[in-house]
Each structure stands twice: as C-alpha cells, then as structure tokens.
Protein backbone atom coordinates (compact mmCIF):
# COMPACT_ATOMS: atom_id res chain seq x y z
CA UNK A 1 -0.01 -0.01 0.08
CA UNK A 2 1.30 3.34 -1.03
CA UNK A 3 2.04 5.79 1.91
CA UNK A 4 0.35 9.14 2.01
CA UNK A 5 2.20 12.28 1.22
CA UNK A 6 1.97 13.36 4.82
CA UNK A 7 3.77 10.12 5.79
CA UNK A 8 6.55 10.90 3.42
CA UNK A 9 6.74 14.54 4.39
CA UNK A 10 7.23 13.44 8.06
CA UNK A 11 10.35 11.72 7.08
CA UNK A 12 11.85 15.15 6.18
CA UNK A 13 11.13 16.74 9.66
CA UNK A 14 14.08 18.42 11.10
CA UNK A 15 13.58 21.20 13.59
CA UNK A 16 17.16 22.39 13.32
CA UNK A 17 17.17 22.65 9.51
CA UNK A 18 16.42 25.66 7.50
CA UNK A 19 16.00 23.70 4.30
CA UNK A 20 12.47 24.43 2.73
CA UNK A 21 11.36 20.85 2.58
CA UNK A 22 12.28 20.35 6.27
CA UNK A 23 10.51 23.74 7.23
CA UNK A 24 7.41 22.57 5.22
CA UNK A 25 7.34 19.17 7.02
CA UNK A 26 7.76 20.88 10.44
CA UNK A 27 4.93 23.26 9.77
CA UNK A 28 2.77 20.53 8.29
CA UNK A 29 3.32 18.58 11.50
CA UNK A 30 1.82 21.43 13.42
CA UNK A 31 -1.26 21.88 11.04
CA UNK A 32 -3.94 19.83 12.71
CA UNK A 33 -6.14 20.14 9.53
CA UNK A 34 -3.43 18.81 7.06
CA UNK A 35 -4.92 16.12 4.93
CA UNK A 36 -2.84 13.27 6.42
CA UNK A 37 -4.20 10.36 4.52
CA UNK A 38 -4.09 11.97 1.06
CA UNK A 39 -1.92 11.01 -1.86
CA UNK A 40 -3.62 12.98 -4.69
CA UNK A 41 -1.54 15.93 -5.96
CA UNK A 42 -4.50 18.13 -6.76
CA UNK A 43 -6.30 17.65 -3.49
CA UNK A 44 -3.18 18.49 -1.41
CA UNK A 45 -2.33 21.36 -3.68
CA UNK A 46 -5.88 22.87 -3.20
CA UNK A 47 -5.66 22.42 0.53
CA UNK A 48 -2.25 24.22 0.71
CA UNK A 49 -3.36 26.99 -1.46
CA UNK A 50 -6.43 27.72 0.77
CA UNK A 51 -5.05 26.99 4.15
CA UNK A 52 -1.27 26.99 4.40
CA UNK A 53 0.01 30.44 5.06
CA UNK A 54 3.31 28.85 6.31
CA UNK A 55 4.11 27.70 2.92
CA UNK A 56 5.98 30.75 1.29
CA UNK A 57 5.90 29.20 -2.14
CA UNK A 58 3.94 26.39 -3.83
CA UNK A 59 7.09 25.50 -5.73
CA UNK A 60 8.32 23.94 -2.38
CA UNK A 61 5.29 21.66 -2.47
CA UNK A 62 5.83 20.84 -6.07
CA UNK A 63 9.35 19.74 -5.64
CA UNK A 64 8.65 17.79 -2.39
CA UNK A 65 5.66 16.01 -4.06
CA UNK A 66 7.89 15.10 -7.10
CA UNK A 67 10.53 13.57 -4.62
CA UNK A 68 7.58 11.85 -2.98
CA UNK A 69 6.58 10.25 -6.34
CA UNK A 70 10.16 9.33 -7.04
CA UNK A 71 10.50 7.35 -3.75
CA UNK A 72 7.39 5.52 -4.56
CA UNK A 73 8.73 4.29 -7.86
CA UNK A 74 11.68 2.65 -6.46
C-alpha cells in the first residue's frame, strides 16, 4: 500500500534545518487540518493554497511532491 504524502513528508522533519522541505514538514506537522491520508496532488495542492500560510511558495510543495513520487517508484 502506497504511503500518504504526509507520511513521506514527516520523514523530512528536522527542527534544526532551514531547508525549505524540512520547514514545510515541520509546519505541516503542526497543522492539525493537514490532509494526512491523502496521496492526490490536486487535493493536497488545493488544501495548501487555501489553508497553508506557512508555505511561502507552492514551488516547495511541487518539488517535495515530485520527490515523494520518485521514492514510490523505487
């Protein structure tokens, strides 16, 4: 069974990092409404565009989601 994007994102958490994907993961961890079981790009993207003021650029999500897809193909 494919893991959710959130499960993948949590592997990137690092409270001491200033890397954009780590900061995204740290903030998503604190976001109680984040769609934790979702895998679909469009649904997650829509949620982030409407609710995630902590994400300074959707490019960060796009790049992180691409890495998520790459890890699933291996």
